[in-house]
Amino acid sequence: GEVLPDAVFIGALILCNMLGVIVFHMAEHLHKYGTTIISPVGAVVIGLMELAAYMDWGISSRLQLYPLTFIFGIQNAMSLVGVVGAPTTQCTGHLGNLAGALQKILAGKRGEAFNAKNGLSLAIVLFFMLGCIAGVFAVGAAKGTPMDDFLLLPATVALAMLMVTDDLLSTEPDKPEPEKAGDATAL
């Protein structure tokens, strides 16, 4: 059986997600390219987690949710302040945006429905669904192979690379400092 009651387990997951958000903002506060610095952490954590499953170290799938939730917190915070500017892990909000757009289309207000926000929501929902379908096929193809225990690692490495790209695109470049004029009294 599991050690934690469901309410405590869910509360701890929420705290892990919040910790990921905090770590992201701390990294961004401490260094201009904070996302670039912390994004490989996700790949390493997922790699270790999948290695533990492969080596059968006895870590339950329920406990494996903690590092995933932490990484999702980092990724969600990054997408809010980066180039995307919207949460990418919360499809319910995007589905709500799309429902509102459909309502406007049905009311004859097509111009109000077709905007960048709804386009982004549509892209996120479609790619989420494509990811789900690809995941089902990947699980089926990996069944009974060593890759069965390492399915999250390629996606996590790709996520880390996308986070670095987002960080580089959304961070303002350093402005050169103006040269100081020489002191006229030094002659």
Protein backbone atom coordinates (compact mmCIF):
# COMPACT_ATOMS: atom_id res chain seq x y z
CA GLY A 1 0.00 0.00 0.00
CA GLU A 2 0.91 3.63 -0.33
CA VAL A 3 2.24 5.54 2.65
CA LEU A 4 0.43 8.86 2.18
CA PRO A 5 -3.35 9.32 2.29
CA ASP A 6 -4.76 10.77 -0.94
CA ALA A 7 -5.33 14.29 0.43
CA VAL A 8 -1.74 14.54 1.71
CA PHE A 9 -0.41 13.06 -1.53
CA ILE A 10 -2.30 15.61 -3.65
CA GLY A 11 -1.28 18.46 -1.35
CA ALA A 12 2.36 17.40 -1.63
CA LEU A 13 2.06 17.29 -5.44
CA ILE A 14 0.71 20.84 -5.43
CA LEU A 15 3.61 21.95 -3.23
CA CYS A 16 6.10 20.25 -5.60
CA ASN A 17 4.59 22.15 -8.52
CA MET A 18 4.79 25.41 -6.57
CA LEU A 19 8.41 24.62 -5.69
CA GLY A 20 9.15 24.26 -9.41
CA VAL A 21 7.62 27.70 -10.03
CA ILE A 22 9.69 29.17 -7.17
CA VAL A 23 12.91 27.57 -8.41
CA PHE A 24 12.29 28.97 -11.90
CA HIS A 25 11.73 32.50 -10.61
CA MET A 26 14.75 32.27 -8.28
CA ALA A 27 16.95 31.13 -11.17
CA GLU A 28 15.68 33.99 -13.34
CA HIS A 29 16.28 36.44 -10.48
CA LEU A 30 19.81 35.20 -9.81
CA HIS A 31 20.95 35.04 -13.44
CA LYS A 32 19.84 36.61 -16.68
CA TYR A 33 19.68 33.20 -18.37
CA GLY A 34 18.29 31.30 -15.39
CA THR A 35 16.10 29.04 -17.52
CA THR A 36 19.11 27.96 -19.56
CA ILE A 37 20.91 27.04 -16.37
CA ILE A 38 18.09 25.01 -14.78
CA SER A 39 16.56 23.36 -17.88
CA PRO A 40 19.07 20.46 -17.95
CA VAL A 41 18.02 19.64 -14.37
CA GLY A 42 14.73 18.28 -15.70
CA ALA A 43 16.45 15.95 -18.13
CA VAL A 44 18.79 14.69 -15.40
CA VAL A 45 15.96 14.16 -12.90
CA ILE A 46 13.82 12.30 -15.46
CA GLY A 47 16.85 10.27 -16.55
CA LEU A 48 17.53 9.23 -12.96
CA MET A 49 13.88 8.46 -12.36
CA GLU A 50 13.69 6.26 -15.45
CA LEU A 51 16.99 4.59 -14.57
CA ALA A 52 15.51 3.74 -11.17
CA ALA A 53 12.50 2.14 -12.87
CA TYR A 54 14.73 0.25 -15.31
CA MET A 55 16.98 -1.01 -12.50
CA ASP A 56 13.85 -1.90 -10.49
CA TRP A 57 14.87 0.08 -7.42
CA GLY A 58 11.31 -0.19 -6.09
CA ILE A 59 10.18 3.43 -6.45
CA SER A 60 6.41 3.40 -6.90
CA SER A 61 4.86 5.19 -9.86
CA ARG A 62 2.99 7.37 -7.37
CA LEU A 63 6.27 8.65 -5.91
CA GLN A 64 7.63 9.26 -9.41
CA LEU A 65 4.97 11.96 -9.83
CA TYR A 66 6.85 14.30 -7.46
CA PRO A 67 9.81 15.05 -9.75
CA LEU A 68 7.48 15.25 -12.75
CA THR A 69 5.26 17.76 -10.99
CA PHE A 70 8.30 19.81 -9.96
CA ILE A 71 9.49 19.93 -13.59
CA PHE A 72 6.00 20.84 -14.79
CA GLY A 73 6.07 23.78 -12.35
CA ILE A 74 9.33 25.01 -13.87
CA GLN A 75 8.03 24.54 -17.42
CA ASN A 76 4.70 26.25 -16.74
CA ALA A 77 6.36 29.26 -15.10
CA MET A 78 8.80 29.52 -18.01
CA SER A 79 6.05 29.47 -20.62
CA LEU A 80 4.18 32.25 -18.81
CA VAL A 81 7.10 34.70 -18.88
CA GLY A 82 8.88 33.52 -22.03
CA VAL A 83 8.06 33.88 -25.70
CA VAL A 84 4.80 31.91 -25.45
CA GLY A 85 3.36 34.12 -22.72
CA ALA A 86 0.68 31.59 -21.77
CA PRO A 87 0.47 28.48 -19.61
CA THR A 88 1.13 25.41 -21.74
CA THR A 89 0.38 22.72 -19.17
CA GLN A 90 -3.20 23.75 -18.40
CA CYS A 91 -5.37 22.65 -21.30
CA THR A 92 -8.63 23.41 -19.49
CA GLY A 93 -8.05 27.15 -19.81
CA HIS A 94 -7.23 26.78 -23.49
CA LEU A 95 -10.34 24.67 -24.05
CA GLY A 96 -12.32 27.46 -22.39
CA ASN A 97 -10.75 29.99 -24.78
CA LEU A 98 -11.71 27.79 -27.73
CA ALA A 99 -15.27 27.38 -26.44
CA GLY A 100 -15.53 31.17 -26.21
CA ALA A 101 -14.21 31.48 -29.77
CA LEU A 102 -16.76 28.94 -31.01
CA GLN A 103 -19.49 30.88 -29.27
CA LYS A 104 -18.37 34.06 -31.08
CA ILE A 105 -18.26 32.25 -34.42
CA LEU A 106 -21.79 30.92 -33.91
CA ALA A 107 -22.92 34.42 -32.96
CA GLY A 108 -21.53 35.74 -36.26
CA LYS A 109 -18.55 37.54 -34.68
CA ARG A 110 -15.81 35.74 -36.62
CA GLY A 111 -13.46 38.73 -36.42
CA GLU A 112 -13.47 38.59 -32.62
CA ALA A 113 -12.94 34.82 -32.57
CA PHE A 114 -9.89 34.69 -34.83
CA ASN A 115 -7.16 36.30 -32.76
CA ALA A 116 -3.66 35.41 -31.57
CA LYS A 117 -4.83 34.22 -28.14
CA ASN A 118 -7.28 31.72 -29.60
CA GLY A 119 -4.73 30.66 -32.22
CA LEU A 120 -2.24 29.90 -29.45
CA SER A 121 -4.92 28.00 -27.50
CA LEU A 122 -5.78 25.96 -30.60
CA ALA A 123 -2.10 25.14 -31.21
CA ILE A 124 -1.56 24.08 -27.59
CA VAL A 125 -4.66 21.84 -27.52
CA LEU A 126 -3.87 20.27 -30.90
CA PHE A 127 -0.25 19.58 -30.01
CA PHE A 128 -1.34 18.22 -26.63
CA MET A 129 -3.66 15.78 -28.42
CA LEU A 130 -0.94 14.85 -30.94
CA GLY A 131 1.44 14.25 -28.03
CA CYS A 132 -1.11 11.96 -26.38
CA ILE A 133 -1.54 9.96 -29.58
CA ALA A 134 2.23 9.76 -30.13
CA GLY A 135 2.61 8.66 -26.50
CA VAL A 136 0.15 5.81 -26.96
CA PHE A 137 2.05 4.59 -30.02
CA ALA A 138 5.42 5.00 -28.26
CA VAL A 139 4.24 2.98 -25.27
CA GLY A 140 2.99 0.24 -27.60
CA ALA A 141 6.21 0.17 -29.63
CA ALA A 142 8.44 0.16 -26.55
CA LYS A 143 6.53 -2.57 -24.70
CA GLY A 144 8.91 -5.35 -23.68
CA THR A 145 12.05 -3.44 -24.72
CA PRO A 146 14.57 -1.55 -22.55
CA MET A 147 13.14 1.68 -24.00
CA ASP A 148 9.92 0.90 -22.11
CA ASP A 149 11.55 2.35 -18.98
CA PHE A 150 13.01 5.42 -20.72
CA LEU A 151 10.08 6.88 -22.68
CA LEU A 152 10.06 10.24 -20.91
CA LEU A 153 13.76 10.96 -21.39
CA PRO A 154 13.72 11.96 -25.10
CA ALA A 155 10.75 14.26 -24.53
CA THR A 156 12.42 15.78 -21.48
CA VAL A 157 15.64 16.45 -23.39
CA ALA A 158 13.57 18.09 -26.15
CA LEU A 159 11.74 20.16 -23.50
CA ALA A 160 15.07 21.29 -22.03
CA MET A 161 16.26 22.39 -25.47
CA LEU A 162 13.00 24.27 -26.08
CA MET A 163 13.32 25.97 -22.69
CA VAL A 164 16.84 27.15 -23.56
CA THR A 165 15.61 28.40 -26.95
CA ASP A 166 12.73 30.26 -25.27
CA ASP A 167 15.15 31.77 -22.75
CA LEU A 168 17.46 32.99 -25.50
CA LEU A 169 14.58 34.45 -27.53
CA SER A 170 12.83 36.17 -24.63
CA THR A 171 15.82 37.61 -22.77
CA GLU A 172 16.88 41.11 -23.72
CA PRO A 173 20.50 41.31 -24.88
CA ASP A 174 22.95 43.26 -22.78
CA LYS A 175 23.29 46.88 -23.80
CA PRO A 176 26.87 48.10 -24.17
CA GLU A 177 27.89 50.57 -21.52
CA PRO A 178 28.74 54.01 -22.88
CA GLU A 179 32.41 54.89 -22.81
CA LYS A 180 33.35 57.25 -20.05
CA ALA A 181 34.80 60.58 -21.04
CA GLY A 182 38.33 61.22 -19.92
CA ASP A 183 38.97 63.50 -16.97
CA ALA A 184 40.12 66.93 -18.25
CA THR A 185 41.84 67.77 -14.97
CA ALA A 186 44.24 64.85 -15.32
CA LEU A 187 46.49 66.85 -17.69
